[in-house]
Amino acid sequence: MARRAVTLWITLGLAIAGCTRLGDSHGYAPSDAELSNIEVGRDTRETVTTIIGRPSLDSLRTANGWYYVKSEYETFLWNAPEEVRREVVAVTYSGAGTVANIERFGLEEGNVIALSRRVTDSNITEVSFIRQLIGNLGNFQIQDFVDGQ
């Protein structure tokens, strides 16, 4: 009788543990506290590298700016991971090489929205690039980057 009770409790515990949502995070987006150390109009690519580092992928570094992307995923039971949050921090540079804008974008109900913005002018550049980046980032698979041979 005691063996059945132990088996029942172990089975029940495993069943409950198996129903737990698992979270995972990919990428890096600097926090507002880290970004507050960057001075718009004064800092350059070199000082930004010292303060928050470079984006990990070369494709996220353009002549006009650097883009930091972070995605959070949840997995429930046997379902495929589902992206629950995506954040893009855009640090754009002027022609002189100094920081022109710092913006944080999120994905709310399928629409790209600006969560915070520190700009030197009102001209928002490369928003369509950010919209593409947020919209397509979750569609990549490891096979796209690894040679099959």
N, C-alpha and C. Protein backbone atom coordinates (compact mmCIF):
# COMPACT_ATOMS: atom_id res chain seq x y z
N MET A 1 0.82 -1.19 0.00
CA MET A 1 0.00 0.00 0.00
C MET A 1 0.87 1.26 0.00
N ALA A 2 1.94 1.25 0.80
CA ALA A 2 2.83 2.40 0.88
C ALA A 2 3.56 2.62 -0.44
N ARG A 3 3.91 1.53 -1.12
CA ARG A 3 4.59 1.64 -2.41
C ARG A 3 3.68 2.30 -3.43
N ARG A 4 2.40 1.98 -3.44
CA ARG A 4 1.43 2.60 -4.36
C ARG A 4 1.29 4.09 -4.08
N ALA A 5 1.25 4.44 -2.81
CA ALA A 5 1.11 5.85 -2.44
C ALA A 5 2.33 6.65 -2.91
N VAL A 6 3.52 6.10 -2.71
CA VAL A 6 4.75 6.77 -3.15
C VAL A 6 4.76 6.91 -4.67
N THR A 7 4.38 5.84 -5.37
CA THR A 7 4.32 5.87 -6.83
C THR A 7 3.32 6.92 -7.30
N LEU A 8 2.17 6.99 -6.65
CA LEU A 8 1.14 7.97 -7.00
C LEU A 8 1.66 9.39 -6.80
N TRP A 9 2.33 9.66 -5.68
CA TRP A 9 2.85 10.99 -5.41
C TRP A 9 3.96 11.37 -6.39
N ILE A 10 4.81 10.45 -6.73
CA ILE A 10 5.87 10.73 -7.70
C ILE A 10 5.26 11.03 -9.07
N THR A 11 4.29 10.21 -9.48
CA THR A 11 3.63 10.43 -10.77
C THR A 11 2.92 11.78 -10.78
N LEU A 12 2.22 12.11 -9.72
CA LEU A 12 1.53 13.39 -9.62
C LEU A 12 2.53 14.56 -9.66
N GLY A 13 3.63 14.43 -8.96
CA GLY A 13 4.66 15.48 -8.97
C GLY A 13 5.27 15.68 -10.35
N LEU A 14 5.54 14.59 -11.06
CA LEU A 14 6.09 14.70 -12.41
C LEU A 14 5.08 15.32 -13.37
N ALA A 15 3.81 14.97 -13.22
CA ALA A 15 2.77 15.54 -14.08
C ALA A 15 2.65 17.04 -13.87
N ILE A 16 2.70 17.48 -12.62
CA ILE A 16 2.62 18.92 -12.34
C ILE A 16 3.86 19.63 -12.85
N ALA A 17 5.03 19.05 -12.65
CA ALA A 17 6.27 19.66 -13.13
C ALA A 17 6.29 19.73 -14.65
N GLY A 18 5.72 18.77 -15.33
CA GLY A 18 5.69 18.76 -16.79
C GLY A 18 4.79 19.83 -17.37
N CYS A 19 3.87 20.36 -16.58
CA CYS A 19 2.95 21.40 -17.05
C CYS A 19 3.47 22.81 -16.80
N THR A 20 4.68 22.93 -16.34
CA THR A 20 5.26 24.23 -16.06
C THR A 20 5.69 24.90 -17.36
N ARG A 21 5.42 26.19 -17.46
CA ARG A 21 5.89 26.96 -18.61
C ARG A 21 7.38 27.24 -18.42
N LEU A 22 8.16 26.99 -19.46
CA LEU A 22 9.60 27.22 -19.41
C LEU A 22 9.92 28.47 -20.21
N GLY A 23 10.75 29.34 -19.67
CA GLY A 23 11.13 30.57 -20.34
C GLY A 23 12.55 30.49 -20.86
N ASP A 24 12.80 31.18 -21.96
CA ASP A 24 14.13 31.22 -22.55
C ASP A 24 14.32 32.60 -23.17
N SER A 25 15.53 33.06 -23.22
CA SER A 25 15.83 34.38 -23.74
C SER A 25 16.97 34.27 -24.75
N HIS A 26 16.87 35.03 -25.84
CA HIS A 26 17.91 35.07 -26.87
C HIS A 26 18.25 36.53 -27.16
N GLY A 27 19.52 36.80 -27.33
CA GLY A 27 19.94 38.15 -27.70
C GLY A 27 20.20 39.02 -26.48
N TYR A 28 20.46 40.30 -26.78
CA TYR A 28 20.79 41.25 -25.72
C TYR A 28 20.27 42.62 -26.12
N ALA A 29 19.59 43.27 -25.20
CA ALA A 29 19.18 44.67 -25.35
C ALA A 29 19.58 45.38 -24.07
N PRO A 30 20.40 46.43 -24.16
CA PRO A 30 20.85 47.13 -22.96
C PRO A 30 19.67 47.75 -22.20
N SER A 31 19.81 47.82 -20.89
CA SER A 31 18.76 48.39 -20.04
C SER A 31 18.79 49.92 -20.14
N ASP A 32 17.73 50.54 -19.64
CA ASP A 32 17.68 52.01 -19.62
C ASP A 32 18.80 52.58 -18.76
N ALA A 33 19.16 51.88 -17.68
CA ALA A 33 20.25 52.34 -16.82
C ALA A 33 21.57 52.36 -17.59
N GLU A 34 21.81 51.32 -18.40
CA GLU A 34 23.04 51.28 -19.20
C GLU A 34 23.01 52.37 -20.27
N LEU A 35 21.86 52.57 -20.89
CA LEU A 35 21.74 53.58 -21.95
C LEU A 35 21.86 54.99 -21.41
N SER A 36 21.53 55.20 -20.14
CA SER A 36 21.64 56.54 -19.56
C SER A 36 23.09 57.01 -19.48
N ASN A 37 24.05 56.09 -19.57
CA ASN A 37 25.47 56.45 -19.56
C ASN A 37 25.95 56.95 -20.91
N ILE A 38 25.12 56.83 -21.95
CA ILE A 38 25.48 57.30 -23.28
C ILE A 38 24.90 58.69 -23.47
N GLU A 39 25.75 59.62 -23.88
CA GLU A 39 25.31 61.00 -24.08
C GLU A 39 25.10 61.26 -25.57
N VAL A 40 23.86 61.57 -25.93
CA VAL A 40 23.50 61.85 -27.32
C VAL A 40 24.24 63.12 -27.77
N GLY A 41 24.86 63.06 -28.95
CA GLY A 41 25.59 64.20 -29.49
C GLY A 41 27.05 64.25 -29.08
N ARG A 42 27.45 63.44 -28.11
CA ARG A 42 28.83 63.46 -27.63
C ARG A 42 29.55 62.13 -27.82
N ASP A 43 28.92 61.04 -27.43
CA ASP A 43 29.58 59.73 -27.50
C ASP A 43 29.71 59.24 -28.93
N THR A 44 30.72 58.40 -29.15
CA THR A 44 31.01 57.84 -30.48
C THR A 44 30.86 56.32 -30.44
N ARG A 45 31.11 55.68 -31.59
CA ARG A 45 31.04 54.21 -31.65
C ARG A 45 32.00 53.57 -30.63
N GLU A 46 33.17 54.15 -30.47
CA GLU A 46 34.16 53.60 -29.55
C GLU A 46 33.68 53.68 -28.10
N THR A 47 33.10 54.82 -27.70
CA THR A 47 32.63 54.94 -26.32
C THR A 47 31.39 54.08 -26.09
N VAL A 48 30.53 53.93 -27.10
CA VAL A 48 29.36 53.06 -26.98
C VAL A 48 29.82 51.61 -26.80
N THR A 49 30.87 51.22 -27.54
CA THR A 49 31.42 49.88 -27.38
C THR A 49 31.89 49.66 -25.95
N THR A 50 32.52 50.65 -25.36
CA THR A 50 32.99 50.55 -23.98
C THR A 50 31.83 50.46 -23.00
N ILE A 51 30.76 51.22 -23.23
CA ILE A 51 29.65 51.30 -22.28
C ILE A 51 28.74 50.08 -22.37
N ILE A 52 28.28 49.72 -23.59
CA ILE A 52 27.30 48.62 -23.70
C ILE A 52 27.75 47.51 -24.63
N GLY A 53 28.88 47.67 -25.30
CA GLY A 53 29.36 46.63 -26.21
C GLY A 53 28.77 46.78 -27.60
N ARG A 54 29.27 45.95 -28.52
CA ARG A 54 28.77 45.94 -29.89
C ARG A 54 27.68 44.89 -30.04
N PRO A 55 26.78 45.08 -31.00
CA PRO A 55 25.81 44.01 -31.30
C PRO A 55 26.57 42.76 -31.72
N SER A 56 26.04 41.60 -31.38
CA SER A 56 26.77 40.36 -31.61
C SER A 56 26.85 39.97 -33.07
N LEU A 57 25.89 40.37 -33.89
CA LEU A 57 25.90 40.01 -35.31
C LEU A 57 26.32 41.20 -36.15
N ASP A 58 27.19 40.97 -37.14
CA ASP A 58 27.62 42.05 -38.03
C ASP A 58 26.44 42.64 -38.78
N SER A 59 25.43 41.83 -39.08
CA SER A 59 24.28 42.33 -39.84
C SER A 59 23.47 43.34 -39.03
N LEU A 60 23.69 43.42 -37.71
CA LEU A 60 22.98 44.38 -36.88
C LEU A 60 23.77 45.68 -36.69
N ARG A 61 24.91 45.78 -37.40
CA ARG A 61 25.71 47.00 -37.38
C ARG A 61 25.72 47.57 -38.79
N THR A 62 25.09 48.72 -38.96
CA THR A 62 25.08 49.37 -40.27
C THR A 62 25.90 50.65 -40.17
N ALA A 63 26.07 51.32 -41.30
CA ALA A 63 26.81 52.57 -41.30
C ALA A 63 26.09 53.64 -40.48
N ASN A 64 24.77 53.55 -40.42
CA ASN A 64 23.99 54.57 -39.71
C ASN A 64 23.68 54.22 -38.27
N GLY A 65 23.81 52.95 -37.88
CA GLY A 65 23.45 52.63 -36.51
C GLY A 65 23.72 51.19 -36.13
N TRP A 66 23.56 50.93 -34.84
CA TRP A 66 23.70 49.58 -34.28
C TRP A 66 22.36 49.20 -33.67
N TYR A 67 22.02 47.92 -33.80
CA TYR A 67 20.73 47.43 -33.33
C TYR A 67 20.95 46.24 -32.40
N TYR A 68 20.41 46.34 -31.20
CA TYR A 68 20.51 45.29 -30.19
C TYR A 68 19.12 44.65 -30.08
N VAL A 69 19.04 43.34 -30.22
CA VAL A 69 17.75 42.66 -30.27
C VAL A 69 17.70 41.59 -29.18
N LYS A 70 16.59 41.55 -28.45
CA LYS A 70 16.37 40.53 -27.43
C LYS A 70 14.97 39.97 -27.61
N SER A 71 14.86 38.64 -27.61
CA SER A 71 13.58 37.96 -27.70
C SER A 71 13.42 37.02 -26.53
N GLU A 72 12.21 36.93 -26.01
CA GLU A 72 11.90 36.01 -24.92
C GLU A 72 10.87 35.00 -25.42
N TYR A 73 11.09 33.73 -25.08
CA TYR A 73 10.24 32.64 -25.53
C TYR A 73 9.70 31.87 -24.34
N GLU A 74 8.51 31.29 -24.51
CA GLU A 74 7.95 30.37 -23.52
C GLU A 74 7.62 29.05 -24.21
N THR A 75 7.87 27.95 -23.51
CA THR A 75 7.52 26.63 -24.00
C THR A 75 6.57 26.00 -22.98
N PHE A 76 5.49 25.43 -23.48
CA PHE A 76 4.51 24.78 -22.61
C PHE A 76 4.27 23.37 -23.13
N LEU A 77 4.50 22.39 -22.27
CA LEU A 77 4.34 20.98 -22.61
C LEU A 77 5.13 20.64 -23.86
N TRP A 78 4.51 20.02 -24.83
CA TRP A 78 5.20 19.57 -26.04
C TRP A 78 5.12 20.59 -27.16
N ASN A 79 4.49 21.74 -26.93
CA ASN A 79 4.35 22.76 -27.98
C ASN A 79 5.69 23.39 -28.33
N ALA A 80 5.78 23.90 -29.52
CA ALA A 80 6.98 24.61 -29.96
C ALA A 80 7.11 25.90 -29.15
N PRO A 81 8.33 26.39 -28.97
CA PRO A 81 8.51 27.65 -28.24
C PRO A 81 7.73 28.78 -28.92
N GLU A 82 7.13 29.64 -28.10
CA GLU A 82 6.37 30.78 -28.61
C GLU A 82 7.03 32.06 -28.15
N GLU A 83 7.26 32.97 -29.09
CA GLU A 83 7.87 34.24 -28.74
C GLU A 83 6.83 35.11 -28.04
N VAL A 84 7.16 35.57 -26.83
CA VAL A 84 6.21 36.35 -26.05
C VAL A 84 6.63 37.81 -25.94
N ARG A 85 7.88 38.12 -26.27
CA ARG A 85 8.34 39.50 -26.17
C ARG A 85 9.55 39.68 -27.07
N ARG A 86 9.60 40.82 -27.76
CA ARG A 86 10.77 41.17 -28.56
C ARG A 86 11.05 42.65 -28.35
N GLU A 87 12.32 42.97 -28.21
CA GLU A 87 12.73 44.33 -27.95
C GLU A 87 13.94 44.66 -28.82
N VAL A 88 13.93 45.85 -29.43
CA VAL A 88 15.05 46.31 -30.25
C VAL A 88 15.48 47.67 -29.72
N VAL A 89 16.78 47.81 -29.46
CA VAL A 89 17.36 49.10 -29.09
C VAL A 89 18.19 49.55 -30.28
N ALA A 90 17.86 50.74 -30.80
CA ALA A 90 18.56 51.30 -31.96
C ALA A 90 19.40 52.48 -31.50
N VAL A 91 20.70 52.40 -31.75
CA VAL A 91 21.61 53.52 -31.49
C VAL A 91 22.07 53.98 -32.86
N THR A 92 21.61 55.16 -33.29
CA THR A 92 21.98 55.67 -34.61
C THR A 92 23.03 56.75 -34.47
N TYR A 93 23.83 56.90 -35.53
CA TYR A 93 24.96 57.81 -35.51
C TYR A 93 24.80 58.89 -36.58
N SER A 94 25.33 60.05 -36.29
CA SER A 94 25.32 61.16 -37.25
C SER A 94 26.45 60.96 -38.25
N GLY A 95 26.51 61.82 -39.24
CA GLY A 95 27.59 61.77 -40.23
C GLY A 95 28.95 61.99 -39.60
N ALA A 96 29.00 62.70 -38.49
CA ALA A 96 30.26 62.96 -37.78
C ALA A 96 30.68 61.79 -36.91
N GLY A 97 29.82 60.78 -36.79
CA GLY A 97 30.17 59.59 -36.01
C GLY A 97 29.75 59.64 -34.56
N THR A 98 29.00 60.67 -34.15
CA THR A 98 28.52 60.74 -32.78
C THR A 98 27.10 60.17 -32.70
N VAL A 99 26.69 59.80 -31.50
CA VAL A 99 25.36 59.24 -31.30
C VAL A 99 24.32 60.32 -31.61
N ALA A 100 23.39 59.99 -32.52
CA ALA A 100 22.33 60.92 -32.88
C ALA A 100 21.02 60.59 -32.17
N ASN A 101 20.69 59.30 -32.07
CA ASN A 101 19.42 58.87 -31.47
C ASN A 101 19.62 57.57 -30.70
N ILE A 102 18.85 57.41 -29.65
CA ILE A 102 18.77 56.14 -28.93
C ILE A 102 17.28 55.85 -28.78
N GLU A 103 16.84 54.73 -29.34
CA GLU A 103 15.41 54.39 -29.30
C GLU A 103 15.24 52.94 -28.90
N ARG A 104 14.15 52.68 -28.19
CA ARG A 104 13.80 51.31 -27.79
C ARG A 104 12.44 51.01 -28.43
N PHE A 105 12.38 49.90 -29.17
CA PHE A 105 11.15 49.49 -29.83
C PHE A 105 10.69 48.16 -29.28
N GLY A 106 9.39 47.97 -29.25
CA GLY A 106 8.81 46.70 -28.83
C GLY A 106 7.78 46.26 -29.85
N LEU A 107 7.26 45.07 -29.66
CA LEU A 107 6.26 44.52 -30.55
C LEU A 107 4.98 44.32 -29.73
N GLU A 108 3.99 45.16 -29.96
CA GLU A 108 2.73 45.08 -29.23
C GLU A 108 1.61 44.76 -30.20
N GLU A 109 0.97 43.63 -30.00
CA GLU A 109 -0.15 43.19 -30.84
C GLU A 109 0.22 43.22 -32.32
N GLY A 110 1.45 42.83 -32.63
CA GLY A 110 1.89 42.74 -34.01
C GLY A 110 2.36 44.06 -34.61
N ASN A 111 2.31 45.14 -33.85
CA ASN A 111 2.74 46.45 -34.35
C ASN A 111 4.00 46.90 -33.64
N VAL A 112 4.90 47.52 -34.42
CA VAL A 112 6.13 48.05 -33.86
C VAL A 112 5.80 49.38 -33.19
N ILE A 113 6.18 49.53 -31.92
CA ILE A 113 5.95 50.78 -31.22
C ILE A 113 7.24 51.24 -30.56
N ALA A 114 7.40 52.54 -30.44
CA ALA A 114 8.57 53.10 -29.75
C ALA A 114 8.28 53.12 -28.26
N LEU A 115 9.11 52.42 -27.48
CA LEU A 115 8.94 52.37 -26.03
C LEU A 115 9.62 53.55 -25.35
N SER A 116 10.76 53.97 -25.88
CA SER A 116 11.45 55.16 -25.37
C SER A 116 12.30 55.73 -26.48
N ARG A 117 12.60 57.03 -26.37
CA ARG A 117 13.34 57.68 -27.45
C ARG A 117 14.12 58.86 -26.87
N ARG A 118 15.42 58.91 -27.19
CA ARG A 118 16.26 60.07 -26.89
C ARG A 118 16.87 60.50 -28.20
N VAL A 119 16.42 61.61 -28.76
CA VAL A 119 16.87 62.02 -30.09
C VAL A 119 17.38 63.45 -30.06
N THR A 120 18.24 63.75 -31.03
CA THR A 120 18.73 65.12 -31.18
C THR A 120 17.87 65.89 -32.17
N ASP A 121 17.11 65.20 -33.01
CA ASP A 121 16.19 65.85 -33.93
C ASP A 121 14.93 65.00 -34.04
N SER A 122 13.93 65.53 -34.69
CA SER A 122 12.65 64.82 -34.78
C SER A 122 12.58 63.90 -35.99
N ASN A 123 13.61 63.84 -36.81
CA ASN A 123 13.62 63.00 -38.00
C ASN A 123 13.96 61.57 -37.60
N ILE A 124 12.99 60.69 -37.64
CA ILE A 124 13.20 59.30 -37.26
C ILE A 124 13.61 58.54 -38.52
N THR A 125 14.83 58.01 -38.52
CA THR A 125 15.36 57.32 -39.69
C THR A 125 15.36 55.83 -39.47
N GLU A 126 15.31 55.10 -40.56
CA GLU A 126 15.44 53.64 -40.59
C GLU A 126 14.36 52.90 -39.80
N VAL A 127 13.19 53.51 -39.64
CA VAL A 127 12.10 52.82 -38.93
C VAL A 127 11.67 51.59 -39.72
N SER A 128 11.69 51.66 -41.04
CA SER A 128 11.29 50.49 -41.83
C SER A 128 12.28 49.34 -41.63
N PHE A 129 13.56 49.63 -41.47
CA PHE A 129 14.54 48.59 -41.19
C PHE A 129 14.23 47.92 -39.85
N ILE A 130 13.92 48.72 -38.85
CA ILE A 130 13.60 48.18 -37.53
C ILE A 130 12.31 47.36 -37.60
N ARG A 131 11.34 47.82 -38.36
CA ARG A 131 10.08 47.08 -38.53
C ARG A 131 10.36 45.72 -39.15
N GLN A 132 11.25 45.66 -40.16
CA GLN A 132 11.62 44.38 -40.78
C GLN A 132 12.37 43.51 -39.78
N LEU A 133 13.27 44.10 -39.02
CA LEU A 133 14.07 43.36 -38.05
C LEU A 133 13.18 42.71 -37.00
N ILE A 134 12.25 43.47 -36.47
CA ILE A 134 11.34 42.92 -35.47
C ILE A 134 10.42 41.88 -36.09
N GLY A 135 9.94 42.14 -37.28
CA GLY A 135 8.99 41.23 -37.91
C GLY A 135 9.59 39.92 -38.36
N ASN A 136 10.86 39.90 -38.73
CA ASN A 136 11.46 38.70 -39.32
C ASN A 136 12.43 37.96 -38.42
N LEU A 137 12.80 38.51 -37.29
CA LEU A 137 13.85 37.90 -36.49
C LEU A 137 13.50 36.50 -36.02
N GLY A 138 12.28 36.25 -35.66
CA GLY A 138 11.90 34.94 -35.17
C GLY A 138 11.78 33.89 -36.25
N ASN A 139 11.90 34.29 -37.52
CA ASN A 139 11.73 33.36 -38.62
C ASN A 139 13.01 32.66 -39.04
N PHE A 140 14.15 32.97 -38.41
CA PHE A 140 15.41 32.33 -38.75
C PHE A 140 15.52 30.99 -38.07
N GLN A 141 16.23 30.07 -38.71
CA GLN A 141 16.53 28.79 -38.12
C GLN A 141 18.03 28.56 -38.23
N ILE A 142 18.55 27.72 -37.36
CA ILE A 142 20.00 27.49 -37.31
C ILE A 142 20.51 26.94 -38.65
N GLN A 143 19.69 26.21 -39.38
CA GLN A 143 20.11 25.64 -40.66
C GLN A 143 20.41 26.75 -41.68
N ASP A 144 19.81 27.94 -41.50
CA ASP A 144 20.07 29.06 -42.40
C ASP A 144 21.51 29.55 -42.29
N PHE A 145 22.16 29.31 -41.15
CA PHE A 145 23.49 29.84 -40.91
C PHE A 145 24.59 28.79 -40.95
N VAL A 146 24.24 27.53 -40.89
CA VAL A 146 25.22 26.44 -40.84
C VAL A 146 25.21 25.72 -42.18
N ASP A 147 26.40 25.50 -42.71
CA ASP A 147 26.52 24.75 -43.95
C ASP A 147 26.16 23.29 -43.70
N GLY A 148 25.33 22.73 -44.56
CA GLY A 148 24.85 21.35 -44.38
C GLY A 148 25.91 20.29 -44.64
N GLN A 149 27.11 20.62 -45.03
CA GLN A 149 28.12 19.61 -45.35
C GLN A 149 29.02 19.33 -44.19
